[in-house]
């Protein structure tokens, strides 16, 4: 591993499971000794949770938050991706919380992409096939992807461990 740094990319703006999982994944990776860059929309509800998590001195020095405007994401879809390339230039892999972003990332940079399958939407299965690893939150989602054509060695069951952020994580 060259940088011992990971990026977590999400386009989610609403409160709920994905915004909570961004915090959980950030704390988990930092606690394992990795540096983490979280890339998310400026309007994301998760941004406040991440700011609170980053206020902990133990986490602060290993965490970077990068925000983007909606138009920047459209630019990536059109192949104009300099801002995203800069954000991913010094990471060893990227966790993606939106399956549609997997091919976009794979097209612009040679990085392992780890997808998080939260929803089990069949319309997203074709995007998951391009990921290097897919973490599914339950066995049904994992089996659905394997049945769709994902190699079983690329599918990992990772039960959904939603915590009450940020207090459950930041107990001292």
Foldseek 3Di string as FASTA:
>chain_A
DQQLEEEEEEAAADDDQVLLVVLVVLLVSVVVPGAYEYEYAPNHPSVVLVVVVLVPPSRVVRYHYHHDHPVQVVCLVVVNNPVVCVVCVRHQEYEYADLVCQVSDVVPDPHQYEYEAEDLDPVSLVSVLSHQAYEYQDPVSQVVSVVVPRDNVRYHYDHRDRDDPDVVPPDD
